[in-house]
Each structure stands twice: as structure tokens, then as C-alpha cells.
Amino acid sequence: RYTGHYPLTPAFALDVFVRNGQLFLQATQQAALPLYAESATDFFLKAVDAQIIFTVDEAGRATGLSLVQGGQRTTAQRSGDAAAR
């Protein structure tokens, strides 16, 4: 329900996908990093100090996300499915 492609800018996006039962986040031209749940919609990364907060519809499917890092909050709308990994 969270997997997808989330463009933050025309040149930089976040892809969320599942690998071996684990949710991952991969930013443009960066390594894929595992996401860890804090709640049903809030996740964090251990490799970098950042949080991902998903916005969901009434069915629980992600419609967008917020990246919280370095005191900044950047939002993106889901624009499709992430490529298979």
C-alpha cells in the first residue's frame, strides 16, 4: 500500500518498494535503504537521520509522503508504482 514513485522535484524522486518482506526507500542515484515503522504511517531510516510520513486515503493506500530531514519537511505526491527491484 506504500510502494510507489514519489517525485520531490523533476530531477529527484523517492521510490518505495518491498524486497524480501522489508520496505525500502531509494532516492534518485542513491542506494536503497530499509524503512522501519514507528506507526502505521510513520517510518524512519537508520542509515541517515530522516523520517518518511505517508499520507493515505480511506483505503489505507499511500497518496503521498513527507520527507523530514535536517529540520526540513518536503512533500511529494505518489505518481505511480516503483519499478520492480
PDB file of N, CA and C in Angstrom:
ATOM      1  N   ARG A   1       0.804  -1.219   0.000  1.00  0.00           N
ATOM      2  CA  ARG A   1       0.000   0.000   0.000  1.00  0.00           C
ATOM      3  C   ARG A   1       0.840   1.273   0.000  1.00  0.00           C
ATOM      4  N   TYR A   2       2.154   1.162   0.291  1.00  0.00           N
ATOM      5  CA  TYR A   2       3.034   2.335   0.270  1.00  0.00           C
ATOM      6  C   TYR A   2       3.963   2.367  -0.934  1.00  0.00           C
ATOM      7  N   THR A   3       4.107   1.234  -1.625  1.00  0.00           N
ATOM      8  CA  THR A   3       5.049   1.188  -2.735  1.00  0.00           C
ATOM      9  C   THR A   3       4.637   2.169  -3.817  1.00  0.00           C
ATOM     10  N   GLY A   4       5.645   2.811  -4.395  1.00  0.00           N
ATOM     11  CA  GLY A   4       5.358   3.751  -5.454  1.00  0.00           C
ATOM     12  C   GLY A   4       6.507   4.688  -5.719  1.00  0.00           C
ATOM     13  N   HIS A   5       6.269   5.569  -6.670  1.00  0.00           N
ATOM     14  CA  HIS A   5       7.232   6.572  -7.113  1.00  0.00           C
ATOM     15  C   HIS A   5       6.743   7.930  -6.620  1.00  0.00           C
ATOM     16  N   TYR A   6       7.609   8.645  -5.896  1.00  0.00           N
ATOM     17  CA  TYR A   6       7.238   9.920  -5.279  1.00  0.00           C
ATOM     18  C   TYR A   6       8.239  10.997  -5.697  1.00  0.00           C
ATOM     19  N   PRO A   7       7.950  11.761  -6.752  1.00  0.00           N
ATOM     20  CA  PRO A   7       8.882  12.810  -7.186  1.00  0.00           C
ATOM     21  C   PRO A   7       8.846  14.031  -6.258  1.00  0.00           C
ATOM     22  N   LEU A   8      10.013  14.383  -5.728  1.00  0.00           N
ATOM     23  CA  LEU A   8      10.140  15.585  -4.893  1.00  0.00           C
ATOM     24  C   LEU A   8      10.421  16.808  -5.756  1.00  0.00           C
ATOM     25  N   THR A   9      11.182  16.621  -6.818  1.00  0.00           N
ATOM     26  CA  THR A   9      11.450  17.646  -7.825  1.00  0.00           C
ATOM     27  C   THR A   9      11.459  16.922  -9.171  1.00  0.00           C
ATOM     28  N   PRO A  10      11.518  17.642 -10.283  1.00  0.00           N
ATOM     29  CA  PRO A  10      11.592  16.952 -11.579  1.00  0.00           C
ATOM     30  C   PRO A  10      12.827  16.051 -11.718  1.00  0.00           C
ATOM     31  N   ALA A  11      13.888  16.343 -10.984  1.00  0.00           N
ATOM     32  CA  ALA A  11      15.123  15.570 -11.110  1.00  0.00           C
ATOM     33  C   ALA A  11      15.416  14.656  -9.927  1.00  0.00           C
ATOM     34  N   PHE A  12      14.570  14.669  -8.898  1.00  0.00           N
ATOM     35  CA  PHE A  12      14.851  13.892  -7.687  1.00  0.00           C
ATOM     36  C   PHE A  12      13.564  13.267  -7.168  1.00  0.00           C
ATOM     37  N   ALA A  13      13.596  11.945  -7.015  1.00  0.00           N
ATOM     38  CA  ALA A  13      12.403  11.229  -6.567  1.00  0.00           C
ATOM     39  C   ALA A  13      12.783  10.165  -5.545  1.00  0.00           C
ATOM     40  N   LEU A  14      11.778   9.714  -4.832  1.00  0.00           N
ATOM     41  CA  LEU A  14      11.923   8.610  -3.888  1.00  0.00           C
ATOM     42  C   LEU A  14      11.074   7.455  -4.399  1.00  0.00           C
ATOM     43  N   ASP A  15      11.670   6.279  -4.476  1.00  0.00           N
ATOM     44  CA  ASP A  15      10.936   5.072  -4.823  1.00  0.00           C
ATOM     45  C   ASP A  15      10.830   4.215  -3.573  1.00  0.00           C
ATOM     46  N   VAL A  16       9.642   3.746  -3.302  1.00  0.00           N
ATOM     47  CA  VAL A  16       9.394   2.880  -2.150  1.00  0.00           C
ATOM     48  C   VAL A  16       8.987   1.519  -2.707  1.00  0.00           C
ATOM     49  N   PHE A  17       9.649   0.470  -2.219  1.00  0.00           N
ATOM     50  CA  PHE A  17       9.379  -0.873  -2.716  1.00  0.00           C
ATOM     51  C   PHE A  17       9.646  -1.891  -1.617  1.00  0.00           C
ATOM     52  N   VAL A  18       9.196  -3.111  -1.843  1.00  0.00           N
ATOM     53  CA  VAL A  18       9.397  -4.203  -0.897  1.00  0.00           C
ATOM     54  C   VAL A  18      10.413  -5.170  -1.483  1.00  0.00           C
ATOM     55  N   ARG A  19      11.385  -5.547  -0.646  1.00  0.00           N
ATOM     56  CA  ARG A  19      12.374  -6.559  -1.020  1.00  0.00           C
ATOM     57  C   ARG A  19      12.482  -7.541   0.145  1.00  0.00           C
ATOM     58  N   ASN A  20      12.229  -8.805  -0.131  1.00  0.00           N
ATOM     59  CA  ASN A  20      12.294  -9.853   0.895  1.00  0.00           C
ATOM     60  C   ASN A  20      11.459  -9.513   2.136  1.00  0.00           C
ATOM     61  N   GLY A  21      10.291  -8.954   1.912  1.00  0.00           N
ATOM     62  CA  GLY A  21       9.382  -8.640   3.004  1.00  0.00           C
ATOM     63  C   GLY A  21       9.683  -7.363   3.765  1.00  0.00           C
ATOM     64  N   GLN A  22      10.737  -6.641   3.375  1.00  0.00           N
ATOM     65  CA  GLN A  22      11.142  -5.397   4.040  1.00  0.00           C
ATOM     66  C   GLN A  22      10.832  -4.208   3.129  1.00  0.00           C
ATOM     67  N   LEU A  23      10.274  -3.139   3.689  1.00  0.00           N
ATOM     68  CA  LEU A  23      10.016  -1.914   2.941  1.00  0.00           C
ATOM     69  C   LEU A  23      11.313  -1.133   2.782  1.00  0.00           C
ATOM     70  N   PHE A  24      11.597  -0.684   1.552  1.00  0.00           N
ATOM     71  CA  PHE A  24      12.821   0.066   1.244  1.00  0.00           C
ATOM     72  C   PHE A  24      12.482   1.402   0.603  1.00  0.00           C
ATOM     73  N   LEU A  25      13.415   2.325   0.754  1.00  0.00           N
ATOM     74  CA  LEU A  25      13.350   3.645   0.132  1.00  0.00           C
ATOM     75  C   LEU A  25      14.614   3.829  -0.686  1.00  0.00           C
ATOM     76  N   GLN A  26      14.454   4.290  -1.932  1.00  0.00           N
ATOM     77  CA  GLN A  26      15.623   4.578  -2.759  1.00  0.00           C
ATOM     78  C   GLN A  26      15.446   5.938  -3.408  1.00  0.00           C
ATOM     79  N   ALA A  27      16.353   6.848  -3.081  1.00  0.00           N
ATOM     80  CA  ALA A  27      16.355   8.180  -3.689  1.00  0.00           C
ATOM     81  C   ALA A  27      17.113   8.104  -5.009  1.00  0.00           C
ATOM     82  N   THR A  28      16.835   9.027  -5.887  1.00  0.00           N
ATOM     83  CA  THR A  28      17.490   9.078  -7.184  1.00  0.00           C
ATOM     84  C   THR A  28      19.009   8.994  -7.027  1.00  0.00           C
ATOM     85  N   GLN A  29      19.616   8.046  -7.715  1.00  0.00           N
ATOM     86  CA  GLN A  29      21.059   7.812  -7.766  1.00  0.00           C
ATOM     87  C   GLN A  29      21.686   7.570  -6.393  1.00  0.00           C
ATOM     88  N   GLN A  30      20.911   6.967  -5.498  1.00  0.00           N
ATOM     89  CA  GLN A  30      21.418   6.600  -4.176  1.00  0.00           C
ATOM     90  C   GLN A  30      21.078   5.143  -3.896  1.00  0.00           C
ATOM     91  N   ALA A  31      21.736   4.584  -2.910  1.00  0.00           N
ATOM     92  CA  ALA A  31      21.487   3.197  -2.538  1.00  0.00           C
ATOM     93  C   ALA A  31      20.122   3.055  -1.879  1.00  0.00           C
ATOM     94  N   ALA A  32      19.526   1.884  -2.022  1.00  0.00           N
ATOM     95  CA  ALA A  32      18.264   1.577  -1.356  1.00  0.00           C
ATOM     96  C   ALA A  32      18.527   1.352   0.132  1.00  0.00           C
ATOM     97  N   LEU A  33      17.648   1.915   0.969  1.00  0.00           N
ATOM     98  CA  LEU A  33      17.791   1.818   2.419  1.00  0.00           C
ATOM     99  C   LEU A  33      16.503   1.278   3.024  1.00  0.00           C
ATOM    100  N   PRO A  34      16.601   0.408   4.022  1.00  0.00           N
ATOM    101  CA  PRO A  34      15.387  -0.119   4.648  1.00  0.00           C
ATOM    102  C   PRO A  34      14.671   0.944   5.481  1.00  0.00           C
ATOM    103  N   LEU A  35      13.346   0.855   5.467  1.00  0.00           N
ATOM    104  CA  LEU A  35      12.497   1.710   6.292  1.00  0.00           C
ATOM    105  C   LEU A  35      12.003   0.905   7.481  1.00  0.00           C
ATOM    106  N   TYR A  36      11.899   1.561   8.634  1.00  0.00           N
ATOM    107  CA  TYR A  36      11.443   0.923   9.867  1.00  0.00           C
ATOM    108  C   TYR A  36      10.227   1.678  10.388  1.00  0.00           C
ATOM    109  N   ALA A  37       9.190   0.927  10.759  1.00  0.00           N
ATOM    110  CA  ALA A  37       7.921   1.530  11.173  1.00  0.00           C
ATOM    111  C   ALA A  37       7.993   2.080  12.590  1.00  0.00           C
ATOM    112  N   GLU A  38       7.451   3.290  12.755  1.00  0.00           N
ATOM    113  CA  GLU A  38       7.208   3.873  14.077  1.00  0.00           C
ATOM    114  C   GLU A  38       5.717   3.797  14.397  1.00  0.00           C
ATOM    115  N   SER A  39       4.906   3.858  13.339  1.00  0.00           N
ATOM    116  CA  SER A  39       3.453   3.749  13.454  1.00  0.00           C
ATOM    117  C   SER A  39       2.952   3.242  12.109  1.00  0.00           C
ATOM    118  N   ALA A  40       1.649   3.254  11.923  1.00  0.00           N
ATOM    119  CA  ALA A  40       1.080   2.760  10.664  1.00  0.00           C
ATOM    120  C   ALA A  40       1.503   3.593   9.459  1.00  0.00           C
ATOM    121  N   THR A  41       1.811   4.868   9.665  1.00  0.00           N
ATOM    122  CA  THR A  41       2.169   5.738   8.544  1.00  0.00           C
ATOM    123  C   THR A  41       3.531   6.406   8.688  1.00  0.00           C
ATOM    124  N   ASP A  42       4.155   6.304   9.838  1.00  0.00           N
ATOM    125  CA  ASP A  42       5.435   6.977  10.092  1.00  0.00           C
ATOM    126  C   ASP A  42       6.571   5.958  10.120  1.00  0.00           C
ATOM    127  N   PHE A  43       7.616   6.248   9.339  1.00  0.00           N
ATOM    128  CA  PHE A  43       8.763   5.356   9.223  1.00  0.00           C
ATOM    129  C   PHE A  43      10.043   6.161   9.405  1.00  0.00           C
ATOM    130  N   PHE A  44      11.130   5.460   9.719  1.00  0.00           N
ATOM    131  CA  PHE A  44      12.419   6.123   9.840  1.00  0.00           C
ATOM    132  C   PHE A  44      13.490   5.269   9.188  1.00  0.00           C
ATOM    133  N   LEU A  45      14.613   5.912   8.913  1.00  0.00           N
ATOM    134  CA  LEU A  45      15.781   5.241   8.363  1.00  0.00           C
ATOM    135  C   LEU A  45      16.848   5.191   9.438  1.00  0.00           C
ATOM    136  N   LYS A  46      17.589   4.105   9.503  1.00  0.00           N
ATOM    137  CA  LYS A  46      18.691   4.006  10.455  1.00  0.00           C
ATOM    138  C   LYS A  46      19.987   4.545   9.864  1.00  0.00           C
ATOM    139  N   ALA A  47      20.142   4.444   8.547  1.00  0.00           N
ATOM    140  CA  ALA A  47      21.390   4.835   7.886  1.00  0.00           C
ATOM    141  C   ALA A  47      21.572   6.348   7.827  1.00  0.00           C
ATOM    142  N   VAL A  48      20.477   7.088   7.801  1.00  0.00           N
ATOM    143  CA  VAL A  48      20.512   8.559   7.785  1.00  0.00           C
ATOM    144  C   VAL A  48      19.442   9.051   8.745  1.00  0.00           C
ATOM    145  N   ASP A  49      19.603  10.260   9.238  1.00  0.00           N
ATOM    146  CA  ASP A  49      18.633  10.844  10.159  1.00  0.00           C
ATOM    147  C   ASP A  49      17.489  11.443   9.349  1.00  0.00           C
ATOM    148  N   ALA A  50      16.506  10.606   9.039  1.00  0.00           N
ATOM    149  CA  ALA A  50      15.367  11.049   8.234  1.00  0.00           C
ATOM    150  C   ALA A  50      14.145  10.218   8.587  1.00  0.00           C
ATOM    151  N   GLN A  51      12.985  10.837   8.381  1.00  0.00           N
ATOM    152  CA  GLN A  51      11.703  10.165   8.587  1.00  0.00           C
ATOM    153  C   GLN A  51      10.885  10.266   7.311  1.00  0.00           C
ATOM    154  N   ILE A  52      10.056   9.268   7.084  1.00  0.00           N
ATOM    155  CA  ILE A  52       9.094   9.267   5.987  1.00  0.00           C
ATOM    156  C   ILE A  52       7.715   9.140   6.619  1.00  0.00           C
ATOM    157  N   ILE A  53       6.839  10.081   6.291  1.00  0.00           N
ATOM    158  CA  ILE A  53       5.473  10.069   6.801  1.00  0.00           C
ATOM    159  C   ILE A  53       4.536   9.978   5.599  1.00  0.00           C
ATOM    160  N   PHE A  54       3.809   8.872   5.522  1.00  0.00           N
ATOM    161  CA  PHE A  54       2.906   8.656   4.391  1.00  0.00           C
ATOM    162  C   PHE A  54       1.554   9.290   4.649  1.00  0.00           C
ATOM    163  N   THR A  55       0.979   9.863   3.606  1.00  0.00           N
ATOM    164  CA  THR A  55      -0.403  10.320   3.590  1.00  0.00           C
ATOM    165  C   THR A  55      -1.196   9.220   2.905  1.00  0.00           C
ATOM    166  N   VAL A  56      -2.281   8.780   3.521  1.00  0.00           N
ATOM    167  CA  VAL A  56      -3.044   7.662   2.962  1.00  0.00           C
ATOM    168  C   VAL A  56      -4.495   8.054   2.727  1.00  0.00           C
ATOM    169  N   ASP A  57      -5.121   7.329   1.792  1.00  0.00           N
ATOM    170  CA  ASP A  57      -6.543   7.548   1.534  1.00  0.00           C
ATOM    171  C   ASP A  57      -7.368   6.682   2.493  1.00  0.00           C
ATOM    172  N   GLU A  58      -8.691   6.703   2.335  1.00  0.00           N
ATOM    173  CA  GLU A  58      -9.570   5.979   3.250  1.00  0.00           C
ATOM    174  C   GLU A  58      -9.362   4.469   3.196  1.00  0.00           C
ATOM    175  N   ALA A  59      -8.779   3.959   2.111  1.00  0.00           N
ATOM    176  CA  ALA A  59      -8.490   2.529   1.983  1.00  0.00           C
ATOM    177  C   ALA A  59      -7.112   2.164   2.551  1.00  0.00           C
ATOM    178  N   GLY A  60      -6.366   3.180   3.008  1.00  0.00           N
ATOM    179  CA  GLY A  60      -5.046   2.934   3.573  1.00  0.00           C
ATOM    180  C   GLY A  60      -3.925   2.920   2.557  1.00  0.00           C
ATOM    181  N   ARG A  61      -4.213   3.265   1.311  1.00  0.00           N
ATOM    182  CA  ARG A  61      -3.201   3.295   0.246  1.00  0.00           C
ATOM    183  C   ARG A  61      -2.549   4.678   0.214  1.00  0.00           C
ATOM    184  N   ALA A  62      -1.229   4.693   0.104  1.00  0.00           N
ATOM    185  CA  ALA A  62      -0.492   5.953   0.113  1.00  0.00           C
ATOM    186  C   ALA A  62      -0.845   6.812  -1.093  1.00  0.00           C
ATOM    187  N   THR A  63      -1.071   8.086  -0.827  1.00  0.00           N
ATOM    188  CA  THR A  63      -1.303   9.062  -1.891  1.00  0.00           C
ATOM    189  C   THR A  63      -0.133  10.034  -1.996  1.00  0.00           C
ATOM    190  N   GLY A  64       0.699  10.063  -0.962  1.00  0.00           N
ATOM    191  CA  GLY A  64       1.850  10.948  -0.936  1.00  0.00           C
ATOM    192  C   GLY A  64       2.702  10.651   0.279  1.00  0.00           C
ATOM    193  N   LEU A  65       3.786  11.394   0.389  1.00  0.00           N
ATOM    194  CA  LEU A  65       4.648  11.245   1.554  1.00  0.00           C
ATOM    195  C   LEU A  65       5.323  12.561   1.865  1.00  0.00           C
ATOM    196  N   SER A  66       5.831  12.640   3.079  1.00  0.00           N
ATOM    197  CA  SER A  66       6.672  13.756   3.508  1.00  0.00           C
ATOM    198  C   SER A  66       8.016  13.181   3.923  1.00  0.00           C
ATOM    199  N   LEU A  67       9.076  13.820   3.465  1.00  0.00           N
ATOM    200  CA  LEU A  67      10.430  13.507   3.892  1.00  0.00           C
ATOM    201  C   LEU A  67      10.830  14.559   4.909  1.00  0.00           C
ATOM    202  N   VAL A  68      11.171  14.129   6.104  1.00  0.00           N
ATOM    203  CA  VAL A  68      11.596  15.031   7.163  1.00  0.00           C
ATOM    204  C   VAL A  68      13.073  14.744   7.426  1.00  0.00           C
ATOM    205  N   GLN A  69      13.907  15.743   7.115  1.00  0.00           N
ATOM    206  CA  GLN A  69      15.357  15.559   7.248  1.00  0.00           C
ATOM    207  C   GLN A  69      16.013  16.916   7.447  1.00  0.00           C
ATOM    208  N   GLY A  70      16.923  16.972   8.413  1.00  0.00           N
ATOM    209  CA  GLY A  70      17.662  18.212   8.641  1.00  0.00           C
ATOM    210  C   GLY A  70      16.787  19.404   8.966  1.00  0.00           C
ATOM    211  N   GLY A  71      15.688  19.165   9.658  1.00  0.00           N
ATOM    212  CA  GLY A  71      14.790  20.255  10.020  1.00  0.00           C
ATOM    213  C   GLY A  71      13.871  20.709   8.895  1.00  0.00           C
ATOM    214  N   GLN A  72      13.967  20.090   7.744  1.00  0.00           N
ATOM    215  CA  GLN A  72      13.139  20.436   6.586  1.00  0.00           C
ATOM    216  C   GLN A  72      12.092  19.354   6.359  1.00  0.00           C
ATOM    217  N   ARG A  73      10.941  19.764   5.898  1.00  0.00           N
ATOM    218  CA  ARG A  73       9.878  18.817   5.528  1.00  0.00           C
ATOM    219  C   ARG A  73       9.508  19.066   4.075  1.00  0.00           C
ATOM    220  N   THR A  74       9.691  18.038   3.242  1.00  0.00           N
ATOM    221  CA  THR A  74       9.395  18.127   1.817  1.00  0.00           C
ATOM    222  C   THR A  74       8.331  17.099   1.478  1.00  0.00           C
ATOM    223  N   THR A  75       7.312  17.495   0.723  1.00  0.00           N
ATOM    224  CA  THR A  75       6.228  16.586   0.396  1.00  0.00           C
ATOM    225  C   THR A  75       6.253  16.203  -1.081  1.00  0.00           C
ATOM    226  N   ALA A  76       5.696  15.041  -1.360  1.00  0.00           N
ATOM    227  CA  ALA A  76       5.593  14.541  -2.726  1.00  0.00           C
ATOM    228  C   ALA A  76       4.309  13.747  -2.860  1.00  0.00           C
ATOM    229  N   GLN A  77       3.699  13.833  -4.015  1.00  0.00           N
ATOM    230  CA  GLN A  77       2.513  13.029  -4.309  1.00  0.00           C
ATOM    231  C   GLN A  77       2.948  11.754  -5.016  1.00  0.00           C
ATOM    232  N   ARG A  78       2.268  10.676  -4.744  1.00  0.00           N
ATOM    233  CA  ARG A  78       2.562   9.399  -5.402  1.00  0.00           C
ATOM    234  C   ARG A  78       2.177   9.519  -6.869  1.00  0.00           C
ATOM    235  N   SER A  79       3.112   9.154  -7.755  1.00  0.00           N
ATOM    236  CA  SER A  79       2.833   9.304  -9.171  1.00  0.00           C
ATOM    237  C   SER A  79       2.819   7.973  -9.912  1.00  0.00           C
ATOM    238  N   GLY A  80       2.833   6.882  -9.193  1.00  0.00           N
ATOM    239  CA  GLY A  80       2.781   5.573  -9.842  1.00  0.00           C
ATOM    240  C   GLY A  80       3.554   4.566  -9.028  1.00  0.00           C
ATOM    241  N   ASP A  81       3.636   3.378  -9.596  1.00  0.00           N
ATOM    242  CA  ASP A  81       4.338   2.303  -8.916  1.00  0.00           C
ATOM    243  C   ASP A  81       5.828   2.416  -9.132  1.00  0.00           C
ATOM    244  N   ALA A  82       6.592   1.997  -8.133  1.00  0.00           N
ATOM    245  CA  ALA A  82       8.043   1.947  -8.272  1.00  0.00           C
ATOM    246  C   ALA A  82       8.397   0.789  -9.187  1.00  0.00           C
ATOM    247  N   ALA A  83       9.508   0.915  -9.865  1.00  0.00           N
ATOM    248  CA  ALA A  83       9.972  -0.173 -10.724  1.00  0.00           C
ATOM    249  C   ALA A  83      10.290  -1.388  -9.862  1.00  0.00           C
ATOM    250  N   ALA A  84      10.074  -2.557 -10.407  1.00  0.00           N
ATOM    251  CA  ALA A  84      10.360  -3.791  -9.665  1.00  0.00           C
ATOM    252  C   ALA A  84      11.838  -3.875  -9.357  1.00  0.00           C
ATOM    253  N   ARG A  85      12.164  -4.298  -8.150  1.00  0.00           N
ATOM    254  CA  ARG A  85      13.566  -4.367  -7.716  1.00  0.00           C
ATOM    255  C   ARG A  85      13.996  -5.804  -7.589  1.00  0.00           C
TER     256      ARG A  85
END
